[in-house]
Amino acid sequence: MSQHNKPRSKRRRRGNRPPNRPEIDFPLCPLCHKAVRDLASAITHKESGVPAHFDCILKTLRSVHDVQQNEKICYLGKGSFGIVQFRQNSGPMRFLIRKRIEYEDTEPVPEWRQKPAVNLSLR
C-alpha cells in the first residue's frame, strides 16, 4: 500500500497536553474576576492582598488619578507606579515623574509570589 492510499485515523489529537496533566487552580483577579494565569506579571491588590492582573491595576489607577495630555501612568518597579510627564524639547525626549504612587508592599514577599518547593529527590 503506498503512502497516499493509507487509511487515515478518524481520531483527532487534542493539542499537545499530556493526558494526566493536573488541573491548576489559578487565583481570580479581584477586579475583573478572571483567572490570573501569569503570576510573574501580577500585582498584589491593595485591598484584598491577592494577585490581580497588571492591566486591571493600571486601569484602576488611570480612573482614580488625574492624567493630563502629555502624561502616562507607568510602572516604576518594586510595586510603585508613577504619573510620568513627557517633555519634548529640541533634543531627545525627556520625562519627569510628576507623582509617585506606592501601590504594592514588596516586604514581606506575599505568599502567592513565593515559588513552591519542588521535590527533586531521585530514588
Protein backbone atom coordinates (compact mmCIF):
# COMPACT_ATOMS: atom_id res chain seq x y z
CA MET A 1 0.00 0.00 0.00
CA SER A 2 1.50 3.36 -0.93
CA GLN A 3 1.59 6.35 1.39
CA HIS A 4 -1.20 8.09 -0.48
CA ASN A 5 -3.62 5.19 -0.08
CA LYS A 6 -3.16 4.62 3.65
CA PRO A 7 -6.36 4.87 5.64
CA ARG A 8 -6.40 7.92 7.88
CA SER A 9 -7.22 7.69 11.51
CA LYS A 10 -10.52 9.31 12.42
CA ARG A 11 -9.17 10.11 15.85
CA ARG A 12 -8.23 13.74 16.37
CA ARG A 13 -5.47 14.95 18.64
CA ARG A 14 -6.47 17.46 21.26
CA GLY A 15 -3.44 19.68 21.50
CA ASN A 16 -0.10 18.75 22.96
CA ARG A 17 -1.32 18.39 26.53
CA PRO A 18 -0.27 15.22 28.32
CA PRO A 19 -3.27 13.06 29.25
CA ASN A 20 -2.67 13.05 33.03
CA ARG A 21 -1.79 16.71 33.46
CA PRO A 22 -3.22 18.04 36.73
CA GLU A 23 -5.57 20.99 36.59
CA ILE A 24 -4.18 24.16 38.20
CA ASP A 25 -6.44 26.42 40.22
CA PHE A 26 -5.38 29.94 39.31
CA PRO A 27 -6.41 32.75 41.65
CA LEU A 28 -9.16 35.08 40.45
CA CYS A 29 -8.42 38.75 39.87
CA PRO A 30 -10.48 40.78 42.37
CA LEU A 31 -11.11 43.46 39.73
CA CYS A 32 -12.22 41.52 36.62
CA HIS A 33 -12.94 38.12 38.26
CA LYS A 34 -10.94 36.20 35.63
CA ALA A 35 -8.10 33.77 36.32
CA VAL A 36 -4.65 35.28 36.85
CA ARG A 37 -2.59 32.83 34.78
CA ASP A 38 0.63 34.86 34.63
CA LEU A 39 1.64 35.32 38.26
CA ALA A 40 5.03 36.72 37.22
CA SER A 41 3.36 39.91 35.98
CA ALA A 42 0.63 40.07 38.64
CA ILE A 43 0.45 42.83 41.25
CA THR A 44 -0.89 42.38 44.78
CA HIS A 45 -4.30 44.04 45.04
CA LYS A 46 -4.10 46.69 47.73
CA GLU A 47 -7.38 45.95 49.50
CA SER A 48 -7.61 42.16 49.27
CA GLY A 49 -3.92 41.13 49.18
CA VAL A 50 -4.49 38.63 46.36
CA PRO A 51 -2.86 38.74 42.90
CA ALA A 52 -4.50 40.91 40.26
CA HIS A 53 -3.80 41.43 36.56
CA PHE A 54 -1.24 44.18 35.91
CA ASP A 55 -3.57 45.74 33.31
CA CYS A 56 -6.51 45.75 35.75
CA ILE A 57 -4.43 47.63 38.35
CA LEU A 58 -3.26 50.08 35.69
CA LYS A 59 -6.84 50.68 34.54
CA THR A 60 -7.92 51.34 38.14
CA LEU A 61 -5.07 53.80 38.69
CA ARG A 62 -5.99 55.66 35.49
CA SER A 63 -9.57 56.07 36.70
CA VAL A 64 -8.51 57.32 40.15
CA HIS A 65 -5.67 59.68 39.22
CA ASP A 66 -5.91 62.74 37.00
CA VAL A 67 -3.66 62.21 33.97
CA GLN A 68 -3.03 65.22 31.72
CA GLN A 69 -2.39 65.35 27.96
CA ASN A 70 1.38 64.62 27.87
CA GLU A 71 1.30 62.19 30.80
CA LYS A 72 1.03 58.44 31.30
CA ILE A 73 0.90 56.12 34.27
CA CYS A 74 3.95 53.88 34.11
CA TYR A 75 5.28 51.07 36.27
CA LEU A 76 8.44 52.26 38.02
CA GLY A 77 9.36 48.99 39.72
CA LYS A 78 9.14 47.38 43.17
CA GLY A 79 5.38 47.80 43.36
CA SER A 80 5.24 51.50 42.55
CA PHE A 81 3.73 53.38 39.64
CA GLY A 82 4.23 56.96 38.58
CA ILE A 83 2.46 59.67 36.66
CA VAL A 84 5.12 60.46 34.09
CA GLN A 85 5.10 63.74 32.19
CA PHE A 86 6.81 63.64 28.80
CA ARG A 87 8.51 66.79 27.51
CA GLN A 88 9.91 67.20 24.05
CA ASN A 89 12.47 69.91 23.68
CA SER A 90 14.89 70.37 20.82
CA GLY A 91 16.85 67.30 22.00
CA PRO A 92 15.85 63.78 22.90
CA MET A 93 12.55 63.02 24.61
CA ARG A 94 12.71 63.87 28.32
CA PHE A 95 10.37 62.95 31.11
CA LEU A 96 9.58 63.93 34.67
CA ILE A 97 7.92 61.75 37.30
CA ARG A 98 5.20 64.13 38.46
CA LYS A 99 3.77 61.82 41.12
CA ARG A 100 4.91 58.50 42.59
CA ILE A 101 2.17 56.03 43.55
CA GLU A 102 3.28 53.37 46.06
CA TYR A 103 0.83 50.58 45.32
CA GLU A 104 2.28 47.22 46.34
CA ASP A 105 4.16 46.41 49.53
CA THR A 106 7.10 44.25 48.46
CA GLU A 107 8.21 43.40 52.01
CA PRO A 108 7.37 40.85 53.19
CA VAL A 109 7.04 38.91 49.94
CA PRO A 110 3.40 37.82 49.51
CA GLU A 111 2.79 34.11 49.95
CA TRP A 112 1.36 33.72 46.43
CA ARG A 113 4.56 35.16 44.95
CA GLN A 114 6.86 32.70 46.67
CA LYS A 115 7.78 29.79 44.43
CA PRO A 116 6.50 26.41 45.58
CA ALA A 117 9.16 23.97 46.70
CA VAL A 118 9.92 21.34 44.10
CA ASN A 119 10.76 17.84 45.26
CA LEU A 120 13.73 16.76 43.15
CA SER A 121 14.67 13.69 45.13
CA LEU A 122 15.63 10.76 42.97
CA ARG A 123 15.28 7.20 44.16
